[in-house]
Amino acid sequence: MKQKLLLPNICKKIGWIVLLIGLGLHIYWQSNPESTTSSWPSLPVLKLQFPDSLKGFKFIVENTEIPNTVTGLLILIGLMLVVFSKQKKEDEFIANLRLSSLLWAVLVNYVLLAFAFIFVYGLDFLGIMIYNMFTVLIFFIIRFNYLLYRNTKLVPDEK
């Protein structure tokens, strides 16, 4: 079965590098907030603005600092490259592992999100929602690689 949406295997290595750079920058900027404001100039960006009535929207140009945008994009691109890259040996068994890992990741993600809806409020909830953008991909990577590892240890080479 041919997977049309999967990237070549080399993209997985590139994805890990991009992800680690993004995470490193995020950790650095979160632990040193003064370095974020001093090292990044304000840049003009295209911003989507919604009016108070929520009837229509428009694009405006606004000067802003973009470290969070840069780290968020690096992390997201890295995760997507890792998740959507083929394995060296891509077969129906791997496709089945992908599907079951994706279902598991979505289920776990939304159970945790429901927990957050019940027990977390205010700005803490906003922080959880920001990290929640990445958790389906992270849970998928963890589960998929765990299942791959477990199955390679349980099944000896078929030579």
N, C-alpha and C. Protein backbone atom coordinates (compact mmCIF):
# COMPACT_ATOMS: atom_id res chain seq x y z
N MET A 1 0.85 -1.17 0.00
CA MET A 1 0.00 0.00 0.00
C MET A 1 0.89 1.24 0.00
N LYS A 2 0.68 2.11 -0.95
CA LYS A 2 1.52 3.30 -1.09
C LYS A 2 0.92 4.46 -0.30
N GLN A 3 1.73 5.04 0.57
CA GLN A 3 1.31 6.20 1.35
C GLN A 3 1.68 7.46 0.59
N LYS A 4 0.72 8.19 0.10
CA LYS A 4 0.99 9.37 -0.71
C LYS A 4 1.42 10.57 0.13
N LEU A 5 1.02 10.63 1.37
CA LEU A 5 1.28 11.82 2.18
C LEU A 5 2.58 11.76 2.97
N LEU A 6 3.32 10.70 2.85
CA LEU A 6 4.55 10.58 3.63
C LEU A 6 5.74 11.15 2.88
N LEU A 7 6.60 11.79 3.64
CA LEU A 7 7.82 12.39 3.09
C LEU A 7 8.94 11.35 3.05
N PRO A 8 10.01 11.61 2.30
CA PRO A 8 11.15 10.68 2.30
C PRO A 8 11.76 10.54 3.70
N ASN A 9 12.42 9.44 3.93
CA ASN A 9 12.99 9.13 5.24
C ASN A 9 14.01 10.17 5.71
N ILE A 10 14.73 10.80 4.81
CA ILE A 10 15.73 11.81 5.19
C ILE A 10 15.10 12.99 5.92
N CYS A 11 13.83 13.25 5.65
CA CYS A 11 13.13 14.36 6.31
C CYS A 11 13.00 14.14 7.81
N LYS A 12 13.02 12.88 8.25
CA LYS A 12 12.94 12.59 9.68
C LYS A 12 14.17 13.13 10.40
N LYS A 13 15.35 12.94 9.83
CA LYS A 13 16.59 13.45 10.44
C LYS A 13 16.58 14.98 10.46
N ILE A 14 16.17 15.57 9.36
CA ILE A 14 16.07 17.03 9.29
C ILE A 14 15.07 17.53 10.33
N GLY A 15 13.95 16.82 10.46
CA GLY A 15 12.93 17.19 11.44
C GLY A 15 13.46 17.18 12.86
N TRP A 16 14.23 16.15 13.22
CA TRP A 16 14.80 16.09 14.57
C TRP A 16 15.74 17.26 14.82
N ILE A 17 16.53 17.62 13.81
CA ILE A 17 17.45 18.76 13.96
C ILE A 17 16.67 20.06 14.15
N VAL A 18 15.67 20.29 13.30
CA VAL A 18 14.86 21.51 13.40
C VAL A 18 14.13 21.55 14.74
N LEU A 19 13.58 20.41 15.17
CA LEU A 19 12.87 20.33 16.45
C LEU A 19 13.81 20.66 17.61
N LEU A 20 15.00 20.10 17.61
CA LEU A 20 15.94 20.36 18.70
C LEU A 20 16.38 21.82 18.72
N ILE A 21 16.58 22.42 17.56
CA ILE A 21 16.92 23.85 17.50
C ILE A 21 15.77 24.68 18.07
N GLY A 22 14.54 24.37 17.66
CA GLY A 22 13.37 25.09 18.16
C GLY A 22 13.20 24.94 19.66
N LEU A 23 13.35 23.72 20.16
CA LEU A 23 13.23 23.50 21.61
C LEU A 23 14.35 24.20 22.38
N GLY A 24 15.57 24.15 21.83
CA GLY A 24 16.69 24.84 22.48
C GLY A 24 16.45 26.34 22.56
N LEU A 25 16.00 26.94 21.47
CA LEU A 25 15.69 28.38 21.49
C LEU A 25 14.56 28.69 22.45
N HIS A 26 13.53 27.84 22.46
CA HIS A 26 12.40 28.06 23.37
C HIS A 26 12.86 28.01 24.83
N ILE A 27 13.63 27.01 25.17
CA ILE A 27 14.11 26.89 26.56
C ILE A 27 15.01 28.06 26.91
N TYR A 28 15.89 28.44 25.99
CA TYR A 28 16.79 29.58 26.25
C TYR A 28 16.00 30.86 26.46
N TRP A 29 15.05 31.13 25.57
CA TRP A 29 14.28 32.38 25.68
C TRP A 29 13.33 32.38 26.87
N GLN A 30 12.84 31.21 27.29
CA GLN A 30 11.98 31.16 28.46
C GLN A 30 12.79 31.34 29.75
N SER A 31 14.03 30.87 29.75
CA SER A 31 14.85 31.01 30.95
C SER A 31 15.57 32.36 31.00
N ASN A 32 15.69 33.06 29.87
CA ASN A 32 16.32 34.38 29.80
C ASN A 32 15.40 35.36 29.06
N PRO A 33 14.31 35.80 29.67
CA PRO A 33 13.36 36.66 28.94
C PRO A 33 13.97 37.98 28.47
N GLU A 34 14.97 38.48 29.18
CA GLU A 34 15.57 39.75 28.77
C GLU A 34 16.35 39.61 27.47
N SER A 35 16.84 38.42 27.16
CA SER A 35 17.57 38.23 25.90
C SER A 35 16.62 38.27 24.71
N THR A 36 15.37 37.92 24.93
CA THR A 36 14.39 37.95 23.85
C THR A 36 14.14 39.37 23.38
N THR A 37 13.92 40.28 24.32
CA THR A 37 13.58 41.64 23.94
C THR A 37 14.79 42.43 23.45
N SER A 38 15.98 42.09 23.95
CA SER A 38 17.15 42.87 23.54
C SER A 38 17.76 42.39 22.23
N SER A 39 17.62 41.11 21.90
CA SER A 39 18.30 40.60 20.71
C SER A 39 17.44 40.61 19.46
N TRP A 40 16.14 40.77 19.59
CA TRP A 40 15.25 40.76 18.44
C TRP A 40 14.69 42.15 18.20
N PRO A 41 14.92 42.72 17.04
CA PRO A 41 14.29 44.01 16.74
C PRO A 41 12.80 43.80 16.45
N SER A 42 12.02 44.85 16.60
CA SER A 42 10.61 44.78 16.20
C SER A 42 10.55 44.75 14.68
N LEU A 43 9.82 43.81 14.15
CA LEU A 43 9.70 43.64 12.71
C LEU A 43 8.26 43.85 12.27
N PRO A 44 8.05 44.40 11.08
CA PRO A 44 6.68 44.51 10.58
C PRO A 44 6.18 43.13 10.14
N VAL A 45 5.02 42.77 10.63
CA VAL A 45 4.41 41.48 10.28
C VAL A 45 2.98 41.71 9.83
N LEU A 46 2.48 40.81 9.03
CA LEU A 46 1.09 40.85 8.59
C LEU A 46 0.24 40.18 9.66
N LYS A 47 -0.73 40.90 10.19
CA LYS A 47 -1.53 40.41 11.31
C LYS A 47 -2.99 40.35 10.90
N LEU A 48 -3.65 39.27 11.25
CA LEU A 48 -5.07 39.11 11.01
C LEU A 48 -5.81 39.73 12.18
N GLN A 49 -6.66 40.74 11.89
CA GLN A 49 -7.35 41.45 12.96
C GLN A 49 -8.86 41.24 12.82
N PHE A 50 -9.48 40.85 13.92
CA PHE A 50 -10.93 40.66 13.96
C PHE A 50 -11.55 41.86 14.66
N PRO A 51 -12.59 42.43 14.10
CA PRO A 51 -13.28 43.52 14.80
C PRO A 51 -14.08 42.98 15.98
N ASP A 52 -14.56 43.87 16.83
CA ASP A 52 -15.31 43.46 18.02
C ASP A 52 -16.59 42.70 17.66
N SER A 53 -17.19 43.03 16.54
CA SER A 53 -18.47 42.40 16.18
C SER A 53 -18.27 41.01 15.57
N LEU A 54 -17.06 40.62 15.30
CA LEU A 54 -16.72 39.34 14.68
C LEU A 54 -17.34 39.18 13.29
N LYS A 55 -17.72 40.29 12.67
CA LYS A 55 -18.25 40.24 11.30
C LYS A 55 -17.15 40.71 10.37
N GLY A 56 -16.44 39.74 9.84
CA GLY A 56 -15.35 40.07 8.93
C GLY A 56 -14.04 40.26 9.67
N PHE A 57 -13.01 40.35 8.90
CA PHE A 57 -11.68 40.57 9.44
C PHE A 57 -10.87 41.30 8.39
N LYS A 58 -9.72 41.77 8.81
CA LYS A 58 -8.83 42.43 7.86
C LYS A 58 -7.39 42.16 8.27
N PHE A 59 -6.51 42.34 7.30
CA PHE A 59 -5.08 42.21 7.55
C PHE A 59 -4.51 43.60 7.78
N ILE A 60 -3.66 43.70 8.80
CA ILE A 60 -2.96 44.95 9.07
C ILE A 60 -1.47 44.62 9.23
N VAL A 61 -0.65 45.64 9.06
CA VAL A 61 0.79 45.48 9.29
C VAL A 61 1.09 46.10 10.65
N GLU A 62 1.79 45.32 11.49
CA GLU A 62 2.08 45.78 12.84
C GLU A 62 3.52 45.39 13.18
N ASN A 63 4.21 46.26 13.88
CA ASN A 63 5.57 45.93 14.35
C ASN A 63 5.46 45.11 15.63
N THR A 64 6.18 44.01 15.67
CA THR A 64 6.17 43.15 16.85
C THR A 64 7.47 42.36 16.92
N GLU A 65 7.76 41.82 18.10
CA GLU A 65 8.89 40.93 18.29
C GLU A 65 8.41 39.51 17.97
N ILE A 66 9.26 38.72 17.33
CA ILE A 66 8.79 37.43 16.82
C ILE A 66 9.48 36.18 17.37
N PRO A 67 10.16 36.23 18.52
CA PRO A 67 10.79 35.00 19.00
C PRO A 67 9.82 33.85 19.21
N ASN A 68 8.64 34.12 19.77
CA ASN A 68 7.67 33.04 19.98
C ASN A 68 7.20 32.46 18.66
N THR A 69 7.05 33.31 17.65
CA THR A 69 6.66 32.83 16.33
C THR A 69 7.74 31.94 15.73
N VAL A 70 8.98 32.36 15.87
CA VAL A 70 10.11 31.58 15.31
C VAL A 70 10.21 30.23 16.00
N THR A 71 10.18 30.21 17.33
CA THR A 71 10.32 28.93 18.03
C THR A 71 9.11 28.04 17.78
N GLY A 72 7.92 28.61 17.79
CA GLY A 72 6.72 27.82 17.52
C GLY A 72 6.76 27.18 16.14
N LEU A 73 7.17 27.96 15.14
CA LEU A 73 7.27 27.40 13.78
C LEU A 73 8.35 26.33 13.67
N LEU A 74 9.50 26.56 14.30
CA LEU A 74 10.56 25.55 14.25
C LEU A 74 10.11 24.25 14.91
N ILE A 75 9.47 24.35 16.05
CA ILE A 75 8.99 23.15 16.75
C ILE A 75 7.92 22.46 15.92
N LEU A 76 6.97 23.22 15.39
CA LEU A 76 5.90 22.63 14.58
C LEU A 76 6.44 21.97 13.32
N ILE A 77 7.32 22.65 12.60
CA ILE A 77 7.88 22.09 11.37
C ILE A 77 8.70 20.84 11.70
N GLY A 78 9.49 20.89 12.76
CA GLY A 78 10.28 19.73 13.15
C GLY A 78 9.41 18.53 13.50
N LEU A 79 8.37 18.77 14.29
CA LEU A 79 7.46 17.67 14.66
C LEU A 79 6.77 17.09 13.43
N MET A 80 6.31 17.96 12.54
CA MET A 80 5.62 17.46 11.35
C MET A 80 6.55 16.67 10.43
N LEU A 81 7.80 17.12 10.30
CA LEU A 81 8.75 16.36 9.49
C LEU A 81 9.01 14.98 10.09
N VAL A 82 9.13 14.91 11.41
CA VAL A 82 9.36 13.62 12.08
C VAL A 82 8.14 12.71 11.91
N VAL A 83 6.94 13.25 12.14
CA VAL A 83 5.72 12.45 12.10
C VAL A 83 5.41 11.97 10.68
N PHE A 84 5.58 12.83 9.69
CA PHE A 84 5.14 12.51 8.34
C PHE A 84 6.25 11.97 7.44
N SER A 85 7.33 11.49 8.02
CA SER A 85 8.41 10.88 7.23
C SER A 85 8.29 9.36 7.25
N LYS A 86 8.63 8.76 6.12
CA LYS A 86 8.58 7.30 6.01
C LYS A 86 9.65 6.67 6.89
N GLN A 87 9.38 5.46 7.29
CA GLN A 87 10.40 4.63 7.91
C GLN A 87 11.27 4.07 6.79
N LYS A 88 12.43 3.53 7.14
CA LYS A 88 13.28 2.93 6.10
C LYS A 88 12.55 1.77 5.42
N LYS A 89 11.82 1.01 6.21
CA LYS A 89 11.01 -0.08 5.66
C LYS A 89 9.55 0.25 5.96
N GLU A 90 8.87 0.78 4.99
CA GLU A 90 7.47 1.18 5.16
C GLU A 90 6.58 0.11 4.55
N ASP A 91 5.81 -0.59 5.39
CA ASP A 91 4.91 -1.63 4.90
C ASP A 91 3.55 -1.48 5.58
N GLU A 92 2.68 -2.47 5.39
CA GLU A 92 1.33 -2.38 5.96
C GLU A 92 1.36 -2.48 7.48
N PHE A 93 2.29 -3.21 8.03
CA PHE A 93 2.42 -3.28 9.48
C PHE A 93 2.75 -1.91 10.06
N ILE A 94 3.68 -1.21 9.43
CA ILE A 94 4.04 0.15 9.87
C ILE A 94 2.85 1.08 9.70
N ALA A 95 2.11 0.94 8.60
CA ALA A 95 0.93 1.77 8.38
C ALA A 95 -0.11 1.53 9.48
N ASN A 96 -0.27 0.27 9.88
CA ASN A 96 -1.19 -0.05 10.97
C ASN A 96 -0.71 0.54 12.29
N LEU A 97 0.60 0.48 12.55
CA LEU A 97 1.15 1.10 13.76
C LEU A 97 0.93 2.62 13.74
N ARG A 98 1.09 3.23 12.56
CA ARG A 98 0.85 4.68 12.43
C ARG A 98 -0.59 5.02 12.81
N LEU A 99 -1.52 4.27 12.25
CA LEU A 99 -2.94 4.54 12.50
C LEU A 99 -3.29 4.34 13.97
N SER A 100 -2.85 3.24 14.55
CA SER A 100 -3.19 3.00 15.96
C SER A 100 -2.51 4.03 16.87
N SER A 101 -1.30 4.45 16.52
CA SER A 101 -0.60 5.47 17.31
C SER A 101 -1.30 6.82 17.20
N LEU A 102 -1.78 7.13 16.02
CA LEU A 102 -2.50 8.39 15.83
C LEU A 102 -3.80 8.39 16.63
N LEU A 103 -4.54 7.31 16.58
CA LEU A 103 -5.79 7.22 17.34
C LEU A 103 -5.52 7.34 18.84
N TRP A 104 -4.50 6.65 19.30
CA TRP A 104 -4.14 6.70 20.71
C TRP A 104 -3.73 8.12 21.11
N ALA A 105 -2.92 8.78 20.27
CA ALA A 105 -2.43 10.12 20.57
C ALA A 105 -3.59 11.12 20.65
N VAL A 106 -4.52 11.02 19.73
CA VAL A 106 -5.68 11.93 19.75
C VAL A 106 -6.52 11.68 20.99
N LEU A 107 -6.76 10.43 21.32
CA LEU A 107 -7.55 10.10 22.51
C LEU A 107 -6.89 10.63 23.78
N VAL A 108 -5.62 10.36 23.96
CA VAL A 108 -4.91 10.82 25.17
C VAL A 108 -4.88 12.34 25.22
N ASN A 109 -4.64 12.97 24.08
CA ASN A 109 -4.61 14.43 24.03
C ASN A 109 -5.92 15.03 24.50
N TYR A 110 -7.04 14.52 24.00
CA TYR A 110 -8.32 15.12 24.35
C TYR A 110 -8.80 14.73 25.75
N VAL A 111 -8.37 13.60 26.26
CA VAL A 111 -8.66 13.28 27.66
C VAL A 111 -7.93 14.29 28.57
N LEU A 112 -6.66 14.56 28.26
CA LEU A 112 -5.91 15.54 29.05
C LEU A 112 -6.48 16.95 28.88
N LEU A 113 -6.96 17.28 27.69
CA LEU A 113 -7.57 18.58 27.47
C LEU A 113 -8.87 18.72 28.27
N ALA A 114 -9.66 17.66 28.32
CA ALA A 114 -10.88 17.68 29.14
C ALA A 114 -10.54 17.88 30.61
N PHE A 115 -9.48 17.21 31.06
CA PHE A 115 -9.01 17.39 32.44
C PHE A 115 -8.64 18.86 32.68
N ALA A 116 -7.96 19.48 31.71
CA ALA A 116 -7.57 20.89 31.85
C ALA A 116 -8.80 21.80 31.86
N PHE A 117 -9.80 21.49 31.05
CA PHE A 117 -11.03 22.29 31.05
C PHE A 117 -11.68 22.28 32.43
N ILE A 118 -11.61 21.15 33.11
CA ILE A 118 -12.27 21.02 34.41
C ILE A 118 -11.45 21.66 35.54
N PHE A 119 -10.13 21.52 35.51
CA PHE A 119 -9.32 21.88 36.67
C PHE A 119 -8.39 23.08 36.50
N VAL A 120 -8.26 23.64 35.30
CA VAL A 120 -7.31 24.73 35.09
C VAL A 120 -8.06 25.95 34.55
N TYR A 121 -7.74 27.13 35.12
CA TYR A 121 -8.46 28.35 34.73
C TYR A 121 -7.49 29.51 34.52
N GLY A 122 -7.98 30.55 33.84
CA GLY A 122 -7.23 31.78 33.69
C GLY A 122 -6.06 31.63 32.72
N LEU A 123 -4.99 32.37 33.03
CA LEU A 123 -3.82 32.36 32.15
C LEU A 123 -3.11 31.01 32.14
N ASP A 124 -3.24 30.24 33.22
CA ASP A 124 -2.67 28.89 33.22
C ASP A 124 -3.30 28.04 32.13
N PHE A 125 -4.62 28.21 31.92
CA PHE A 125 -5.30 27.46 30.87
C PHE A 125 -4.80 27.89 29.49
N LEU A 126 -4.54 29.17 29.32
CA LEU A 126 -3.99 29.65 28.05
C LEU A 126 -2.64 29.00 27.77
N GLY A 127 -1.80 28.89 28.78
CA GLY A 127 -0.52 28.22 28.61
C GLY A 127 -0.68 26.76 28.21
N ILE A 128 -1.64 26.08 28.82
CA ILE A 128 -1.90 24.69 28.46
C ILE A 128 -2.39 24.60 27.02
N MET A 129 -3.22 25.52 26.59
CA MET A 129 -3.71 25.50 25.21
C MET A 129 -2.58 25.73 24.21
N ILE A 130 -1.62 26.56 24.56
CA ILE A 130 -0.48 26.79 23.67
C ILE A 130 0.31 25.49 23.51
N TYR A 131 0.61 24.83 24.61
CA TYR A 131 1.35 23.57 24.52
C TYR A 131 0.51 22.47 23.88
N ASN A 132 -0.81 22.56 24.01
CA ASN A 132 -1.72 21.55 23.46
C ASN A 132 -1.65 21.50 21.94
N MET A 133 -1.20 22.58 21.31
CA MET A 133 -1.07 22.57 19.85
C MET A 133 -0.08 21.51 19.39
N PHE A 134 0.87 21.17 20.22
CA PHE A 134 1.94 20.27 19.83
C PHE A 134 1.77 18.85 20.38
N THR A 135 0.88 18.66 21.34
CA THR A 135 0.87 17.40 22.08
C THR A 135 0.39 16.21 21.25
N VAL A 136 -0.51 16.40 20.30
CA VAL A 136 -0.93 15.25 19.48
C VAL A 136 0.28 14.70 18.73
N LEU A 137 1.08 15.58 18.14
CA LEU A 137 2.26 15.12 17.42
C LEU A 137 3.28 14.48 18.35
N ILE A 138 3.46 15.07 19.53
CA ILE A 138 4.42 14.52 20.50
C ILE A 138 3.96 13.14 20.99
N PHE A 139 2.68 13.03 21.34
CA PHE A 139 2.16 11.74 21.79
C PHE A 139 2.26 10.69 20.68
N PHE A 140 2.02 11.10 19.43
CA PHE A 140 2.15 10.17 18.31
C PHE A 140 3.58 9.66 18.20
N ILE A 141 4.53 10.57 18.24
CA ILE A 141 5.95 10.17 18.11
C ILE A 141 6.33 9.20 19.22
N ILE A 142 5.94 9.51 20.44
CA ILE A 142 6.28 8.64 21.57
C ILE A 142 5.65 7.26 21.40
N ARG A 143 4.36 7.23 21.11
CA ARG A 143 3.65 5.95 20.99
C ARG A 143 4.16 5.13 19.79
N PHE A 144 4.32 5.77 18.64
CA PHE A 144 4.76 5.07 17.44
C PHE A 144 6.15 4.47 17.63
N ASN A 145 7.06 5.27 18.17
CA ASN A 145 8.42 4.76 18.37
C ASN A 145 8.47 3.69 19.45
N TYR A 146 7.62 3.81 20.48
CA TYR A 146 7.55 2.76 21.49
C TYR A 146 7.06 1.45 20.88
N LEU A 147 6.01 1.52 20.05
CA LEU A 147 5.49 0.31 19.42
C LEU A 147 6.51 -0.28 18.45
N LEU A 148 7.22 0.56 17.72
CA LEU A 148 8.27 0.06 16.83
C LEU A 148 9.35 -0.66 17.63
N TYR A 149 9.79 -0.03 18.71
CA TYR A 149 10.84 -0.61 19.56
C TYR A 149 10.37 -1.94 20.15
N ARG A 150 9.16 -1.94 20.69
CA ARG A 150 8.62 -3.15 21.32
C ARG A 150 8.49 -4.29 20.31
N ASN A 151 8.02 -3.97 19.11
CA ASN A 151 7.84 -5.02 18.10
C ASN A 151 9.15 -5.51 17.53
N THR A 152 10.17 -4.67 17.46
CA THR A 152 11.47 -5.15 16.97
C THR A 152 12.15 -6.03 18.02
N LYS A 153 11.87 -5.80 19.30
CA LYS A 153 12.45 -6.63 20.34
C LYS A 153 11.72 -7.96 20.47
N LEU A 154 10.42 -7.96 20.24
CA LEU A 154 9.64 -9.20 20.39
C LEU A 154 9.76 -10.13 19.18
N VAL A 155 9.90 -9.55 17.99
CA VAL A 155 9.95 -10.36 16.77
C VAL A 155 11.39 -10.44 16.29
N PRO A 156 11.99 -11.62 16.25
CA PRO A 156 13.36 -11.73 15.74
C PRO A 156 13.38 -11.48 14.23
N ASP A 157 14.55 -11.22 13.69
CA ASP A 157 14.68 -11.00 12.25
C ASP A 157 14.12 -12.18 11.47
N GLU A 158 13.40 -11.84 10.39
CA GLU A 158 12.77 -12.88 9.57
C GLU A 158 13.66 -13.19 8.38
N LYS A 159 14.81 -13.74 8.62
CA LYS A 159 15.73 -14.09 7.52
C LYS A 159 15.77 -15.56 7.31
